[in-house]
All heavy atoms as atom14 arrays in JSON, in Angstrom:
{
  "sequence": "SVQFGKKGIPYLNTYDGRTIRYPDPLIKANDTIRL",
  "atom14_mask": [
    [1, 1, 1, 1, 1, 1, 0, 0, 0, 0, 0, 0, 0, 0],
    [1, 1, 1, 1, 1, 1, 1, 0, 0, 0, 0, 0, 0, 0],
    [1, 1, 1, 1, 1, 1, 1, 1, 1, 0, 0, 0, 0, 0],
    [1, 1, 1, 1, 1, 1, 1, 1, 1, 1, 1, 0, 0, 0],
    [1, 1, 1, 1, 0, 0, 0, 0, 0, 0, 0, 0, 0, 0],
    [1, 1, 1, 1, 1, 1, 1, 1, 1, 0, 0, 0, 0, 0],
    [1, 1, 1, 1, 1, 1, 1, 1, 1, 0, 0, 0, 0, 0],
    [1, 1, 1, 1, 0, 0, 0, 0, 0, 0, 0, 0, 0, 0],
    [1, 1, 1, 1, 1, 1, 1, 1, 0, 0, 0, 0, 0, 0],
    [1, 1, 1, 1, 1, 1, 1, 0, 0, 0, 0, 0, 0, 0],
    [1, 1, 1, 1, 1, 1, 1, 1, 1, 1, 1, 1, 0, 0],
    [1, 1, 1, 1, 1, 1, 1, 1, 0, 0, 0, 0, 0, 0],
    [1, 1, 1, 1, 1, 1, 1, 1, 0, 0, 0, 0, 0, 0],
    [1, 1, 1, 1, 1, 1, 1, 0, 0, 0, 0, 0, 0, 0],
    [1, 1, 1, 1, 1, 1, 1, 1, 1, 1, 1, 1, 0, 0],
    [1, 1, 1, 1, 1, 1, 1, 1, 0, 0, 0, 0, 0, 0],
    [1, 1, 1, 1, 0, 0, 0, 0, 0, 0, 0, 0, 0, 0],
    [1, 1, 1, 1, 1, 1, 1, 1, 1, 1, 1, 0, 0, 0],
    [1, 1, 1, 1, 1, 1, 1, 0, 0, 0, 0, 0, 0, 0],
    [1, 1, 1, 1, 1, 1, 1, 1, 0, 0, 0, 0, 0, 0],
    [1, 1, 1, 1, 1, 1, 1, 1, 1, 1, 1, 0, 0, 0],
    [1, 1, 1, 1, 1, 1, 1, 1, 1, 1, 1, 1, 0, 0],
    [1, 1, 1, 1, 1, 1, 1, 0, 0, 0, 0, 0, 0, 0],
    [1, 1, 1, 1, 1, 1, 1, 1, 0, 0, 0, 0, 0, 0],
    [1, 1, 1, 1, 1, 1, 1, 0, 0, 0, 0, 0, 0, 0],
    [1, 1, 1, 1, 1, 1, 1, 1, 0, 0, 0, 0, 0, 0],
    [1, 1, 1, 1, 1, 1, 1, 1, 0, 0, 0, 0, 0, 0],
    [1, 1, 1, 1, 1, 1, 1, 1, 1, 0, 0, 0, 0, 0],
    [1, 1, 1, 1, 1, 0, 0, 0, 0, 0, 0, 0, 0, 0],
    [1, 1, 1, 1, 1, 1, 1, 1, 0, 0, 0, 0, 0, 0],
    [1, 1, 1, 1, 1, 1, 1, 1, 0, 0, 0, 0, 0, 0],
    [1, 1, 1, 1, 1, 1, 1, 0, 0, 0, 0, 0, 0, 0],
    [1, 1, 1, 1, 1, 1, 1, 1, 0, 0, 0, 0, 0, 0],
    [1, 1, 1, 1, 1, 1, 1, 1, 1, 1, 1, 0, 0, 0],
    [1, 1, 1, 1, 1, 1, 1, 1, 0, 0, 0, 0, 0, 0]
  ],
  "atom14_positions": [
    [[132.74, 181.64, 94.36], [132.31, 181.25, 93.02], [133.08, 180.02, 92.56], [134.17, 179.74, 93.05], [132.55, 182.4, 92.04], [133.94, 182.64, 91.92], [0.0, 0.0, 0.0], [0.0, 0.0, 0.0], [0.0, 0.0, 0.0], [0.0, 0.0, 0.0], [0.0, 0.0, 0.0], [0.0, 0.0, 0.0], [0.0, 0.0, 0.0], [0.0, 0.0, 0.0]],
    [[132.49, 179.29, 91.63], [133.15, 178.14, 91.01], [133.18, 178.41, 89.51], [132.13, 178.7, 88.91], [132.4, 176.83, 91.31], [133.13, 175.64, 90.7], [132.25, 176.61, 92.81], [0.0, 0.0, 0.0], [0.0, 0.0, 0.0], [0.0, 0.0, 0.0], [0.0, 0.0, 0.0], [0.0, 0.0, 0.0], [0.0, 0.0, 0.0], [0.0, 0.0, 0.0]],
    [[134.37, 178.33, 88.9], [134.5, 178.68, 87.48], [135.43, 177.71, 86.76], [136.05, 176.85, 87.39], [135.06, 180.1, 87.36], [134.09, 181.16, 87.84], [134.8, 182.47, 88.1], [135.9, 182.5, 88.62], [134.16, 183.56, 87.74], [0.0, 0.0, 0.0], [0.0, 0.0, 0.0], [0.0, 0.0, 0.0], [0.0, 0.0, 0.0], [0.0, 0.0, 0.0]],
    [[135.52, 177.89, 85.45], [136.47, 177.12, 84.64], [137.54, 178.05, 84.12], [137.24, 179.14, 83.6], [135.75, 176.44, 83.47], [134.88, 175.31, 83.91], [133.52, 175.5, 84.12], [135.41, 174.06, 84.15], [132.71, 174.46, 84.55], [134.61, 173.01, 84.57], [133.26, 173.22, 84.77], [0.0, 0.0, 0.0], [0.0, 0.0, 0.0], [0.0, 0.0, 0.0]],
    [[138.79, 177.65, 84.24], [139.9, 178.48, 83.76], [140.36, 178.03, 82.4], [139.61, 177.39, 81.64], [0.0, 0.0, 0.0], [0.0, 0.0, 0.0], [0.0, 0.0, 0.0], [0.0, 0.0, 0.0], [0.0, 0.0, 0.0], [0.0, 0.0, 0.0], [0.0, 0.0, 0.0], [0.0, 0.0, 0.0], [0.0, 0.0, 0.0], [0.0, 0.0, 0.0]],
    [[141.61, 178.31, 82.07], [142.19, 177.92, 80.79], [142.2, 176.4, 80.66], [142.42, 175.7, 81.65], [143.61, 178.44, 80.66], [143.67, 179.9, 80.2], [145.09, 180.3, 79.93], [145.13, 181.75, 79.47], [146.5, 182.23, 79.35], [0.0, 0.0, 0.0], [0.0, 0.0, 0.0], [0.0, 0.0, 0.0], [0.0, 0.0, 0.0], [0.0, 0.0, 0.0]],
    [[141.95, 175.92, 79.45], [141.94, 174.47, 79.16], [140.88, 173.74, 79.99], [141.02, 172.56, 80.29], [143.32, 173.86, 79.4], [144.39, 174.45, 78.49], [145.72, 173.78, 78.67], [146.74, 174.43, 77.74], [148.1, 174.05, 78.08], [0.0, 0.0, 0.0], [0.0, 0.0, 0.0], [0.0, 0.0, 0.0], [0.0, 0.0, 0.0], [0.0, 0.0, 0.0]],
    [[139.85, 174.49, 80.4], [138.72, 173.87, 81.1], [139.03, 173.35, 82.49], [138.38, 172.45, 82.98], [0.0, 0.0, 0.0], [0.0, 0.0, 0.0], [0.0, 0.0, 0.0], [0.0, 0.0, 0.0], [0.0, 0.0, 0.0], [0.0, 0.0, 0.0], [0.0, 0.0, 0.0], [0.0, 0.0, 0.0], [0.0, 0.0, 0.0], [0.0, 0.0, 0.0]],
    [[140.05, 173.97, 83.15], [140.4, 173.53, 84.51], [139.43, 174.18, 85.5], [139.36, 175.4, 85.57], [141.86, 173.9, 84.85], [142.82, 173.08, 84.0], [142.14, 173.67, 86.34], [144.26, 173.49, 84.11], [0.0, 0.0, 0.0], [0.0, 0.0, 0.0], [0.0, 0.0, 0.0], [0.0, 0.0, 0.0], [0.0, 0.0, 0.0], [0.0, 0.0, 0.0]],
    [[138.69, 173.38, 86.27], [137.76, 173.99, 87.24], [138.52, 174.53, 88.45], [139.51, 173.95, 88.88], [136.84, 172.82, 87.64], [137.65, 171.6, 87.39], [138.63, 171.92, 86.3], [0.0, 0.0, 0.0], [0.0, 0.0, 0.0], [0.0, 0.0, 0.0], [0.0, 0.0, 0.0], [0.0, 0.0, 0.0], [0.0, 0.0, 0.0], [0.0, 0.0, 0.0]],
    [[138.04, 175.65, 88.97], [138.64, 176.2, 90.2], [137.57, 176.94, 90.98], [136.52, 177.3, 90.44], [139.83, 177.12, 89.89], [139.46, 178.4, 89.19], [139.19, 179.56, 89.92], [139.4, 178.5, 87.79], [138.86, 180.75, 89.3], [139.07, 179.68, 87.16], [138.81, 180.81, 87.91], [138.47, 181.99, 87.3], [0.0, 0.0, 0.0], [0.0, 0.0, 0.0]],
    [[137.84, 177.13, 92.29], [136.89, 177.9, 93.09], [137.62, 179.05, 93.79], [138.82, 178.97, 94.04], [136.15, 177.01, 94.1], [136.92, 176.21, 95.15], [137.32, 177.08, 96.32], [136.02, 175.09, 95.67], [0.0, 0.0, 0.0], [0.0, 0.0, 0.0], [0.0, 0.0, 0.0], [0.0, 0.0, 0.0], [0.0, 0.0, 0.0], [0.0, 0.0, 0.0]],
    [[136.86, 180.12, 94.05], [137.38, 181.26, 94.81], [136.73, 181.26, 96.17], [135.53, 181.03, 96.28], [137.05, 182.58, 94.12], [137.7, 182.69, 92.78], [137.02, 182.7, 91.77], [139.02, 182.75, 92.74], [0.0, 0.0, 0.0], [0.0, 0.0, 0.0], [0.0, 0.0, 0.0], [0.0, 0.0, 0.0], [0.0, 0.0, 0.0], [0.0, 0.0, 0.0]],
    [[137.52, 181.55, 97.21], [136.97, 181.6, 98.55], [136.85, 183.04, 99.02], [137.42, 183.95, 98.4], [137.85, 180.82, 99.55], [139.11, 181.48, 99.64], [138.05, 179.38, 99.1], [0.0, 0.0, 0.0], [0.0, 0.0, 0.0], [0.0, 0.0, 0.0], [0.0, 0.0, 0.0], [0.0, 0.0, 0.0], [0.0, 0.0, 0.0], [0.0, 0.0, 0.0]],
    [[136.18, 183.23, 100.15], [135.95, 184.57, 100.7], [137.24, 185.26, 101.12], [137.3, 186.47, 101.25], [135.0, 184.47, 101.9], [135.7, 184.05, 103.18], [135.87, 184.94, 104.22], [136.24, 182.77, 103.33], [136.54, 184.58, 105.37], [136.9, 182.39, 104.46], [137.06, 183.3, 105.48], [137.74, 182.96, 106.62], [0.0, 0.0, 0.0], [0.0, 0.0, 0.0]],
    [[138.32, 184.47, 101.35], [139.58, 185.08, 101.78], [140.62, 185.09, 100.67], [141.82, 185.02, 100.91], [140.13, 184.38, 103.04], [140.37, 182.89, 102.81], [139.92, 182.39, 101.77], [141.0, 182.25, 103.68], [0.0, 0.0, 0.0], [0.0, 0.0, 0.0], [0.0, 0.0, 0.0], [0.0, 0.0, 0.0], [0.0, 0.0, 0.0], [0.0, 0.0, 0.0]],
    [[140.14, 185.18, 99.42], [141.04, 185.43, 98.29], [141.84, 184.22, 97.82], [142.8, 184.39, 97.08], [0.0, 0.0, 0.0], [0.0, 0.0, 0.0], [0.0, 0.0, 0.0], [0.0, 0.0, 0.0], [0.0, 0.0, 0.0], [0.0, 0.0, 0.0], [0.0, 0.0, 0.0], [0.0, 0.0, 0.0], [0.0, 0.0, 0.0], [0.0, 0.0, 0.0]],
    [[141.48, 183.02, 98.22], [142.21, 181.84, 97.76], [141.6, 181.32, 96.47], [140.39, 181.43, 96.25], [142.14, 180.71, 98.8], [142.85, 181.01, 100.08], [142.53, 179.97, 101.13], [142.98, 180.41, 102.44], [144.18, 180.12, 102.94], [145.02, 179.39, 102.26], [144.53, 180.56, 104.13], [0.0, 0.0, 0.0], [0.0, 0.0, 0.0], [0.0, 0.0, 0.0]],
    [[142.43, 180.71, 95.62], [141.96, 180.03, 94.43], [142.41, 178.58, 94.54], [143.6, 178.32, 94.7], [142.58, 180.67, 93.17], [142.21, 182.04, 93.15], [142.08, 179.99, 91.91], [0.0, 0.0, 0.0], [0.0, 0.0, 0.0], [0.0, 0.0, 0.0], [0.0, 0.0, 0.0], [0.0, 0.0, 0.0], [0.0, 0.0, 0.0], [0.0, 0.0, 0.0]],
    [[141.48, 177.65, 94.5], [141.81, 176.24, 94.65], [141.36, 175.51, 93.38], [140.18, 175.6, 92.99], [141.12, 175.65, 95.91], [141.59, 176.41, 97.14], [141.44, 174.17, 96.06], [140.8, 176.18, 98.38], [0.0, 0.0, 0.0], [0.0, 0.0, 0.0], [0.0, 0.0, 0.0], [0.0, 0.0, 0.0], [0.0, 0.0, 0.0], [0.0, 0.0, 0.0]],
    [[142.3, 174.79, 92.75], [141.99, 174.1, 91.48], [141.45, 172.7, 91.75], [141.71, 172.11, 92.79], [143.26, 174.0, 90.64], [143.84, 175.38, 90.31], [145.2, 175.25, 89.69], [145.12, 174.79, 88.32], [146.17, 174.3, 87.65], [147.33, 174.17, 88.25], [146.04, 173.93, 86.4], [0.0, 0.0, 0.0], [0.0, 0.0, 0.0], [0.0, 0.0, 0.0]],
    [[140.74, 172.2, 90.77], [140.16, 170.86, 90.8], [139.39, 170.55, 92.1], [139.71, 169.62, 92.82], [141.26, 169.79, 90.62], [141.96, 169.9, 89.28], [143.29, 170.3, 89.21], [141.28, 169.62, 88.1], [143.94, 170.42, 87.99], [141.92, 169.74, 86.87], [143.24, 170.14, 86.83], [143.87, 170.26, 85.61], [0.0, 0.0, 0.0], [0.0, 0.0, 0.0]],
    [[138.37, 171.37, 92.43], [137.58, 171.05, 93.62], [136.6, 169.91, 93.32], [136.41, 169.54, 92.16], [136.83, 172.35, 93.91], [136.68, 172.98, 92.56], [137.89, 172.58, 91.76], [0.0, 0.0, 0.0], [0.0, 0.0, 0.0], [0.0, 0.0, 0.0], [0.0, 0.0, 0.0], [0.0, 0.0, 0.0], [0.0, 0.0, 0.0], [0.0, 0.0, 0.0]],
    [[135.97, 169.38, 94.34], [134.92, 168.37, 94.17], [133.79, 168.99, 93.34], [133.35, 170.1, 93.62], [134.39, 167.98, 95.57], [133.43, 166.8, 95.5], [132.48, 166.87, 94.71], [133.62, 165.84, 96.26], [0.0, 0.0, 0.0], [0.0, 0.0, 0.0], [0.0, 0.0, 0.0], [0.0, 0.0, 0.0], [0.0, 0.0, 0.0], [0.0, 0.0, 0.0]],
    [[133.32, 168.27, 92.28], [132.28, 168.88, 91.42], [130.98, 169.2, 92.14], [130.16, 169.97, 91.64], [132.04, 167.81, 90.34], [132.91, 166.65, 90.66], [133.76, 166.97, 91.83], [0.0, 0.0, 0.0], [0.0, 0.0, 0.0], [0.0, 0.0, 0.0], [0.0, 0.0, 0.0], [0.0, 0.0, 0.0], [0.0, 0.0, 0.0], [0.0, 0.0, 0.0]],
    [[130.76, 168.62, 93.35], [129.52, 168.9, 94.08], [129.57, 170.26, 94.79], [128.55, 170.76, 95.25], [129.27, 167.81, 95.12], [128.99, 166.41, 94.56], [128.91, 165.39, 95.68], [127.71, 166.4, 93.74], [0.0, 0.0, 0.0], [0.0, 0.0, 0.0], [0.0, 0.0, 0.0], [0.0, 0.0, 0.0], [0.0, 0.0, 0.0], [0.0, 0.0, 0.0]],
    [[130.78, 170.86, 94.92], [130.9, 172.13, 95.64], [130.41, 173.27, 94.75], [130.81, 173.39, 93.59], [132.36, 172.38, 96.07], [132.86, 171.26, 96.99], [132.5, 173.73, 96.76], [134.33, 171.34, 97.34], [0.0, 0.0, 0.0], [0.0, 0.0, 0.0], [0.0, 0.0, 0.0], [0.0, 0.0, 0.0], [0.0, 0.0, 0.0], [0.0, 0.0, 0.0]],
    [[129.53, 174.08, 95.31], [128.98, 175.22, 94.56], [129.16, 176.49, 95.4], [129.59, 176.43, 96.56], [127.48, 175.0, 94.3], [127.18, 173.79, 93.42], [127.48, 174.08, 91.96], [127.19, 172.9, 91.05], [128.27, 171.94, 90.92], [0.0, 0.0, 0.0], [0.0, 0.0, 0.0], [0.0, 0.0, 0.0], [0.0, 0.0, 0.0], [0.0, 0.0, 0.0]],
    [[128.81, 177.65, 94.81], [128.92, 178.93, 95.53], [128.07, 178.89, 96.8], [127.04, 178.22, 96.85], [128.44, 180.07, 94.64], [0.0, 0.0, 0.0], [0.0, 0.0, 0.0], [0.0, 0.0, 0.0], [0.0, 0.0, 0.0], [0.0, 0.0, 0.0], [0.0, 0.0, 0.0], [0.0, 0.0, 0.0], [0.0, 0.0, 0.0], [0.0, 0.0, 0.0]],
    [[128.54, 179.59, 97.85], [127.92, 179.69, 99.18], [128.14, 178.46, 100.07], [127.83, 178.5, 101.25], [126.41, 179.98, 99.12], [126.14, 181.33, 98.53], [126.82, 182.29, 98.85], [125.19, 181.41, 97.62], [0.0, 0.0, 0.0], [0.0, 0.0, 0.0], [0.0, 0.0, 0.0], [0.0, 0.0, 0.0], [0.0, 0.0, 0.0], [0.0, 0.0, 0.0]],
    [[128.67, 177.36, 99.5], [129.01, 176.21, 100.35], [130.23, 176.57, 101.18], [130.89, 177.58, 100.93], [129.33, 174.98, 99.5], [128.11, 174.47, 98.73], [127.01, 174.96, 99.01], [128.28, 173.59, 97.86], [0.0, 0.0, 0.0], [0.0, 0.0, 0.0], [0.0, 0.0, 0.0], [0.0, 0.0, 0.0], [0.0, 0.0, 0.0], [0.0, 0.0, 0.0]],
    [[130.56, 175.73, 102.16], [131.74, 175.97, 102.99], [132.69, 174.79, 102.82], [132.25, 173.63, 102.84], [131.33, 176.11, 104.47], [130.59, 177.32, 104.61], [132.54, 176.19, 105.38], [0.0, 0.0, 0.0], [0.0, 0.0, 0.0], [0.0, 0.0, 0.0], [0.0, 0.0, 0.0], [0.0, 0.0, 0.0], [0.0, 0.0, 0.0], [0.0, 0.0, 0.0]],
    [[133.98, 175.09, 102.65], [134.97, 174.02, 102.57], [135.83, 174.03, 103.82], [136.02, 175.08, 104.44], [135.87, 174.14, 101.31], [136.61, 175.48, 101.3], [135.07, 173.95, 100.04], [137.69, 175.59, 100.27], [0.0, 0.0, 0.0], [0.0, 0.0, 0.0], [0.0, 0.0, 0.0], [0.0, 0.0, 0.0], [0.0, 0.0, 0.0], [0.0, 0.0, 0.0]],
    [[136.31, 172.86, 104.2], [137.25, 172.75, 105.32], [138.63, 172.62, 104.7], [138.92, 171.64, 104.02], [136.89, 171.53, 106.16], [137.86, 171.29, 107.28], [137.29, 170.22, 108.19], [138.32, 169.66, 109.03], [138.08, 168.97, 110.13], [136.85, 168.77, 110.5], [139.06, 168.48, 110.84], [0.0, 0.0, 0.0], [0.0, 0.0, 0.0], [0.0, 0.0, 0.0]],
    [[139.46, 173.63, 104.94], [140.77, 173.71, 104.27], [141.88, 173.3, 105.23], [141.97, 173.85, 106.33], [140.99, 175.15, 103.79], [142.2, 175.37, 102.88], [141.89, 174.94, 101.47], [142.6, 176.83, 102.89], [0.0, 0.0, 0.0], [0.0, 0.0, 0.0], [0.0, 0.0, 0.0], [0.0, 0.0, 0.0], [0.0, 0.0, 0.0], [0.0, 0.0, 0.0]]
  ]
}
């Protein structure tokens, strides 16, 4: 999922429990990131 946290900070959650802040705005749910 991609969400907004406190103070409007965007972050995404991955399938393995990671939370990454300020992702690329084009990334949406079900996409795959290379970490």
